[in-house]
């Protein structure tokens, strides 16, 4: 099973980009890319599940 990660809007996008530069095979999506800006943490967790 491949691990997938979803960052919420409060997660530092610079860290996400740095992580993906270091390990591009990680499936990590930002809140902006997923269209999740403005959603609560509970809503993001529900969608990620």
N, C-alpha and C. Protein backbone atom coordinates (compact mmCIF):
# COMPACT_ATOMS: atom_id res chain seq x y z
N UNK A 1 0.84 -1.18 0.00
CA UNK A 1 0.00 0.00 0.00
C UNK A 1 0.89 1.24 0.00
N UNK A 2 0.61 2.16 -0.90
CA UNK A 2 1.38 3.40 -0.99
C UNK A 2 0.77 4.44 -0.05
N UNK A 3 1.62 5.08 0.74
CA UNK A 3 1.14 6.14 1.63
C UNK A 3 0.88 7.40 0.84
N UNK A 4 -0.21 8.06 1.16
CA UNK A 4 -0.56 9.32 0.53
C UNK A 4 -0.77 10.36 1.63
N UNK A 5 -0.37 11.58 1.36
CA UNK A 5 -0.47 12.64 2.35
C UNK A 5 -1.24 13.82 1.79
N UNK A 6 -2.07 14.42 2.63
CA UNK A 6 -2.82 15.62 2.27
C UNK A 6 -2.53 16.69 3.31
N UNK A 7 -1.97 17.80 2.88
CA UNK A 7 -1.68 18.91 3.78
C UNK A 7 -2.89 19.82 3.88
N UNK A 8 -3.13 20.35 5.08
CA UNK A 8 -4.20 21.33 5.20
C UNK A 8 -3.63 22.72 4.89
N UNK A 9 -4.48 23.73 4.90
CA UNK A 9 -4.07 25.08 4.48
C UNK A 9 -3.03 25.69 5.41
N UNK A 10 -2.95 25.24 6.65
CA UNK A 10 -1.99 25.79 7.60
C UNK A 10 -0.59 25.20 7.45
N UNK A 11 -0.47 24.13 6.70
CA UNK A 11 0.83 23.49 6.53
C UNK A 11 1.69 24.33 5.60
N UNK A 12 2.91 24.55 5.98
CA UNK A 12 3.83 25.41 5.23
C UNK A 12 4.12 24.80 3.86
N UNK A 13 3.67 25.47 2.82
CA UNK A 13 3.83 24.96 1.46
C UNK A 13 5.30 24.87 1.04
N UNK A 14 6.14 25.70 1.61
CA UNK A 14 7.58 25.63 1.33
C UNK A 14 8.13 24.28 1.78
N UNK A 15 7.67 23.80 2.92
CA UNK A 15 8.11 22.49 3.41
C UNK A 15 7.65 21.37 2.48
N UNK A 16 6.44 21.48 1.97
CA UNK A 16 5.94 20.46 1.04
C UNK A 16 6.81 20.42 -0.21
N UNK A 17 7.09 21.59 -0.77
CA UNK A 17 7.92 21.64 -1.98
C UNK A 17 9.32 21.09 -1.72
N UNK A 18 9.89 21.44 -0.56
CA UNK A 18 11.24 20.95 -0.22
C UNK A 18 11.22 19.43 -0.07
N UNK A 19 10.20 18.90 0.58
CA UNK A 19 10.08 17.45 0.76
C UNK A 19 9.98 16.75 -0.60
N UNK A 20 9.17 17.31 -1.49
CA UNK A 20 9.00 16.68 -2.80
C UNK A 20 10.25 16.79 -3.66
N UNK A 21 11.02 17.85 -3.48
CA UNK A 21 12.30 17.94 -4.20
C UNK A 21 13.25 16.85 -3.72
N UNK A 22 13.23 16.60 -2.42
CA UNK A 22 14.14 15.60 -1.83
C UNK A 22 13.68 14.18 -2.15
N UNK A 23 12.36 13.96 -2.12
CA UNK A 23 11.82 12.61 -2.36
C UNK A 23 10.57 12.72 -3.24
N UNK A 24 10.75 12.84 -4.56
CA UNK A 24 9.63 13.08 -5.47
C UNK A 24 8.61 11.93 -5.55
N UNK A 25 8.96 10.76 -5.05
CA UNK A 25 8.02 9.64 -5.13
C UNK A 25 6.92 9.70 -4.07
N UNK A 26 7.06 10.61 -3.10
CA UNK A 26 6.03 10.74 -2.06
C UNK A 26 4.78 11.38 -2.67
N UNK A 27 3.64 10.80 -2.38
CA UNK A 27 2.37 11.33 -2.87
C UNK A 27 1.85 12.32 -1.84
N UNK A 28 2.18 13.58 -2.02
CA UNK A 28 1.87 14.64 -1.06
C UNK A 28 1.20 15.77 -1.81
N UNK A 29 0.01 16.13 -1.39
CA UNK A 29 -0.75 17.17 -2.07
C UNK A 29 -1.01 18.33 -1.13
N UNK A 30 -0.89 19.54 -1.63
CA UNK A 30 -1.18 20.73 -0.83
C UNK A 30 -2.69 20.99 -0.83
N UNK A 31 -3.13 21.77 0.14
CA UNK A 31 -4.54 22.16 0.21
C UNK A 31 -4.93 22.98 -1.01
N UNK A 32 -4.03 23.84 -1.45
CA UNK A 32 -4.31 24.67 -2.62
C UNK A 32 -4.51 23.80 -3.86
N UNK A 33 -3.63 22.83 -4.08
CA UNK A 33 -3.75 21.95 -5.25
C UNK A 33 -5.02 21.11 -5.21
N UNK A 34 -5.48 20.78 -4.01
CA UNK A 34 -6.66 19.94 -3.86
C UNK A 34 -7.96 20.73 -3.80
N UNK A 35 -7.86 22.06 -3.80
CA UNK A 35 -9.06 22.88 -3.70
C UNK A 35 -9.68 22.86 -2.32
N UNK A 36 -8.86 22.73 -1.28
CA UNK A 36 -9.36 22.61 0.09
C UNK A 36 -9.19 23.89 0.92
N UNK A 37 -8.79 24.96 0.27
CA UNK A 37 -8.58 26.20 1.01
C UNK A 37 -9.90 26.66 1.65
N UNK A 38 -9.82 27.06 2.90
CA UNK A 38 -11.00 27.56 3.60
C UNK A 38 -11.78 26.50 4.35
N UNK A 39 -11.44 25.23 4.17
CA UNK A 39 -12.14 24.17 4.88
C UNK A 39 -11.54 23.98 6.27
N UNK A 40 -12.34 23.52 7.20
CA UNK A 40 -11.85 23.24 8.55
C UNK A 40 -11.01 21.98 8.54
N UNK A 41 -10.23 21.79 9.60
CA UNK A 41 -9.41 20.58 9.72
C UNK A 41 -10.27 19.32 9.67
N UNK A 42 -11.44 19.37 10.30
CA UNK A 42 -12.34 18.22 10.33
C UNK A 42 -12.80 17.87 8.91
N UNK A 43 -13.12 18.90 8.13
CA UNK A 43 -13.55 18.67 6.75
C UNK A 43 -12.43 18.10 5.90
N UNK A 44 -11.21 18.61 6.09
CA UNK A 44 -10.05 18.10 5.33
C UNK A 44 -9.79 16.65 5.70
N UNK A 45 -9.83 16.33 6.99
CA UNK A 45 -9.62 14.94 7.44
C UNK A 45 -10.69 14.01 6.87
N UNK A 46 -11.91 14.48 6.83
CA UNK A 46 -13.01 13.66 6.31
C UNK A 46 -12.79 13.36 4.82
N UNK A 47 -12.40 14.36 4.07
CA UNK A 47 -12.16 14.17 2.63
C UNK A 47 -10.94 13.31 2.39
N UNK A 48 -9.90 13.45 3.21
CA UNK A 48 -8.68 12.67 3.03
C UNK A 48 -8.91 11.20 3.35
N UNK A 49 -9.83 10.93 4.26
CA UNK A 49 -10.11 9.54 4.64
C UNK A 49 -10.78 8.83 3.49
